[in-house]
Each structure stands twice: as C-alpha cells, then as structure tokens.
C-alpha cells in the first residue's frame, strides 16, 4: 500500500502497516527522473529504449526553473515530452 500522506489513512490500517517515509523528489533527482520518463515514452511509442538519449543540460535547467519539486505530474507532462511523443508517433507512422 502506498499513500502520499498517512493522515488520511484510517488508524486501524496504519497500525497494521510499517510506515516508511520517503523524501519527495527534488531537482537533484531530475536527470534520473527524466531518463525514466523518456524511456517510458519510447517504450509506449513502440521504440527500442536503448536509443533513449538523456535530456541536455539546458532542457534539465528549464525543468528545474519551472518545477518546485514534489509531484512528478508537472515533469512528466512537460512540453519536452509532448514534443518527443509527437516526434516518435510521426516517425513510427512512416
């Protein structure tokens, strides 16, 4: 079982589980997080994940400037990934 916040988990369940806190992802994690997101986009597009290239420093910096940390949704829905997905979809259609 996972939860972002245990406050909403009933105490009867909290007493049956070991709670292991994890720090929220931060900017220090962006290179690895973006690599994992890019790999997922490649695989979902039917491409070989061995061709995944890491984002360039300027792209990581743009994400750092616009992501405060925490939820990965803003990172995984960043325009860079939409552009990549559109490119892969169009190249797969050829």
C-alpha atoms as a PDB file:
ATOM      1  CA  UNK A   1       0.000   0.000   0.000  1.00  0.00           C
ATOM      2  CA  UNK A   2       1.250   3.486  -0.783  1.00  0.00           C
ATOM      3  CA  UNK A   3      -0.001   6.885   0.297  1.00  0.00           C
ATOM      4  CA  UNK A   4       1.266  10.403  -0.223  1.00  0.00           C
ATOM      5  CA  UNK A   5       0.063  11.365   3.234  1.00  0.00           C
ATOM      6  CA  UNK A   6      -0.803   8.964   6.054  1.00  0.00           C
ATOM      7  CA  UNK A   7      -3.106  11.477   7.722  1.00  0.00           C
ATOM      8  CA  UNK A   8      -5.994  10.262   5.554  1.00  0.00           C
ATOM      9  CA  UNK A   9      -5.323   6.572   6.221  1.00  0.00           C
ATOM     10  CA  UNK A  10      -7.564   5.194   8.984  1.00  0.00           C
ATOM     11  CA  UNK A  11      -5.664   4.392  12.181  1.00  0.00           C
ATOM     12  CA  UNK A  12      -6.838   0.770  12.056  1.00  0.00           C
ATOM     13  CA  UNK A  13      -4.834   0.401   8.810  1.00  0.00           C
ATOM     14  CA  UNK A  14      -1.873   2.497   9.950  1.00  0.00           C
ATOM     15  CA  UNK A  15      -1.366   0.105  12.880  1.00  0.00           C
ATOM     16  CA  UNK A  16      -1.168  -2.877  10.522  1.00  0.00           C
ATOM     17  CA  UNK A  17       1.478  -1.445   8.207  1.00  0.00           C
ATOM     18  CA  UNK A  18       5.043  -0.311   8.546  1.00  0.00           C
ATOM     19  CA  UNK A  19       5.257   3.328   7.508  1.00  0.00           C
ATOM     20  CA  UNK A  20       8.414   4.082   5.573  1.00  0.00           C
ATOM     21  CA  UNK A  21       8.718   7.779   4.766  1.00  0.00           C
ATOM     22  CA  UNK A  22      10.422   8.784   1.555  1.00  0.00           C
ATOM     23  CA  UNK A  23      11.554  12.286   0.735  1.00  0.00           C
ATOM     24  CA  UNK A  24       9.679  13.986  -2.063  1.00  0.00           C
ATOM     25  CA  UNK A  25      11.588  14.031  -5.342  1.00  0.00           C
ATOM     26  CA  UNK A  26      13.509  17.211  -5.899  1.00  0.00           C
ATOM     27  CA  UNK A  27      15.587  18.936  -8.518  1.00  0.00           C
ATOM     28  CA  UNK A  28      18.587  16.752  -7.666  1.00  0.00           C
ATOM     29  CA  UNK A  29      16.565  13.803  -8.997  1.00  0.00           C
ATOM     30  CA  UNK A  30      15.630  15.360 -12.353  1.00  0.00           C
ATOM     31  CA  UNK A  31      18.309  13.702 -14.515  1.00  0.00           C
ATOM     32  CA  UNK A  32      17.254  10.200 -13.423  1.00  0.00           C
ATOM     33  CA  UNK A  33      13.531  11.000 -13.394  1.00  0.00           C
ATOM     34  CA  UNK A  34      13.635  12.420 -16.906  1.00  0.00           C
ATOM     35  CA  UNK A  35      15.596   9.392 -18.120  1.00  0.00           C
ATOM     36  CA  UNK A  36      12.887   7.104 -16.735  1.00  0.00           C
ATOM     37  CA  UNK A  37      10.102   9.221 -18.262  1.00  0.00           C
ATOM     38  CA  UNK A  38      11.879   9.277 -21.638  1.00  0.00           C
ATOM     39  CA  UNK A  39      12.317   5.505 -21.510  1.00  0.00           C
ATOM     40  CA  UNK A  40       8.598   5.076 -20.799  1.00  0.00           C
ATOM     41  CA  UNK A  41       7.680   7.369 -23.711  1.00  0.00           C
ATOM     42  CA  UNK A  42       9.981   5.417 -26.048  1.00  0.00           C
ATOM     43  CA  UNK A  43       8.556   2.050 -24.998  1.00  0.00           C
ATOM     44  CA  UNK A  44       4.939   3.251 -25.180  1.00  0.00           C
ATOM     45  CA  UNK A  45       5.668   4.507 -28.710  1.00  0.00           C
ATOM     46  CA  UNK A  46       6.956   1.113 -29.785  1.00  0.00           C
ATOM     47  CA  UNK A  47      10.618   2.153 -29.945  1.00  0.00           C
ATOM     48  CA  UNK A  48      13.684   0.439 -28.562  1.00  0.00           C
ATOM     49  CA  UNK A  49      14.539   2.025 -25.192  1.00  0.00           C
ATOM     50  CA  UNK A  50      18.256   1.558 -25.891  1.00  0.00           C
ATOM     51  CA  UNK A  51      18.021   4.623 -28.136  1.00  0.00           C
ATOM     52  CA  UNK A  52      16.953   6.920 -25.307  1.00  0.00           C
ATOM     53  CA  UNK A  53      19.221   9.943 -25.026  1.00  0.00           C
ATOM     54  CA  UNK A  54      19.333  11.950 -21.793  1.00  0.00           C
ATOM     55  CA  UNK A  55      17.982  15.468 -21.864  1.00  0.00           C
ATOM     56  CA  UNK A  56      20.563  18.148 -22.496  1.00  0.00           C
ATOM     57  CA  UNK A  57      21.660  20.421 -19.676  1.00  0.00           C
ATOM     58  CA  UNK A  58      19.599  23.339 -20.991  1.00  0.00           C
ATOM     59  CA  UNK A  59      16.474  21.158 -21.003  1.00  0.00           C
ATOM     60  CA  UNK A  60      17.111  19.981 -17.439  1.00  0.00           C
ATOM     61  CA  UNK A  61      17.669  23.606 -16.400  1.00  0.00           C
ATOM     62  CA  UNK A  62      14.327  24.627 -17.953  1.00  0.00           C
ATOM     63  CA  UNK A  63      12.570  21.906 -15.969  1.00  0.00           C
ATOM     64  CA  UNK A  64      14.406  22.937 -12.794  1.00  0.00           C
ATOM     65  CA  UNK A  65      13.262  26.544 -13.226  1.00  0.00           C
ATOM     66  CA  UNK A  66       9.629  25.530 -13.630  1.00  0.00           C
ATOM     67  CA  UNK A  67       9.237  22.591 -11.222  1.00  0.00           C
ATOM     68  CA  UNK A  68       9.251  23.219  -7.479  1.00  0.00           C
ATOM     69  CA  UNK A  69       9.694  19.531  -6.632  1.00  0.00           C
ATOM     70  CA  UNK A  70       7.198  17.060  -5.228  1.00  0.00           C
ATOM     71  CA  UNK A  71       4.607  15.727  -7.653  1.00  0.00           C
ATOM     72  CA  UNK A  72       6.014  14.261 -10.850  1.00  0.00           C
ATOM     73  CA  UNK A  73       2.922  15.108 -12.896  1.00  0.00           C
ATOM     74  CA  UNK A  74       4.250  18.539 -13.976  1.00  0.00           C
ATOM     75  CA  UNK A  75       7.537  16.933 -15.024  1.00  0.00           C
ATOM     76  CA  UNK A  76       6.005  14.015 -16.919  1.00  0.00           C
ATOM     77  CA  UNK A  77       3.608  16.330 -18.758  1.00  0.00           C
ATOM     78  CA  UNK A  78       6.231  18.950 -19.631  1.00  0.00           C
ATOM     79  CA  UNK A  79       6.203  20.161 -23.260  1.00  0.00           C
ATOM     80  CA  UNK A  80       9.553  18.474 -23.980  1.00  0.00           C
ATOM     81  CA  UNK A  81       7.900  15.077 -23.535  1.00  0.00           C
ATOM     82  CA  UNK A  82       4.878  16.029 -25.665  1.00  0.00           C
ATOM     83  CA  UNK A  83       7.262  17.056 -28.450  1.00  0.00           C
ATOM     84  CA  UNK A  84       9.166  13.794 -28.100  1.00  0.00           C
ATOM     85  CA  UNK A  85       5.980  11.742 -28.125  1.00  0.00           C
ATOM     86  CA  UNK A  86       4.677  13.562 -31.216  1.00  0.00           C
ATOM     87  CA  UNK A  87       8.005  13.046 -32.989  1.00  0.00           C
ATOM     88  CA  UNK A  88       8.109   9.350 -32.119  1.00  0.00           C
ATOM     89  CA  UNK A  89       4.494   8.870 -33.168  1.00  0.00           C
ATOM     90  CA  UNK A  90       5.133  10.518 -36.536  1.00  0.00           C
ATOM     91  CA  UNK A  91       8.353   8.581 -37.151  1.00  0.00           C
ATOM     92  CA  UNK A  92       6.622   5.317 -36.182  1.00  0.00           C
ATOM     93  CA  UNK A  93       3.865   6.004 -38.726  1.00  0.00           C
ATOM     94  CA  UNK A  94       6.402   6.171 -41.605  1.00  0.00           C
END
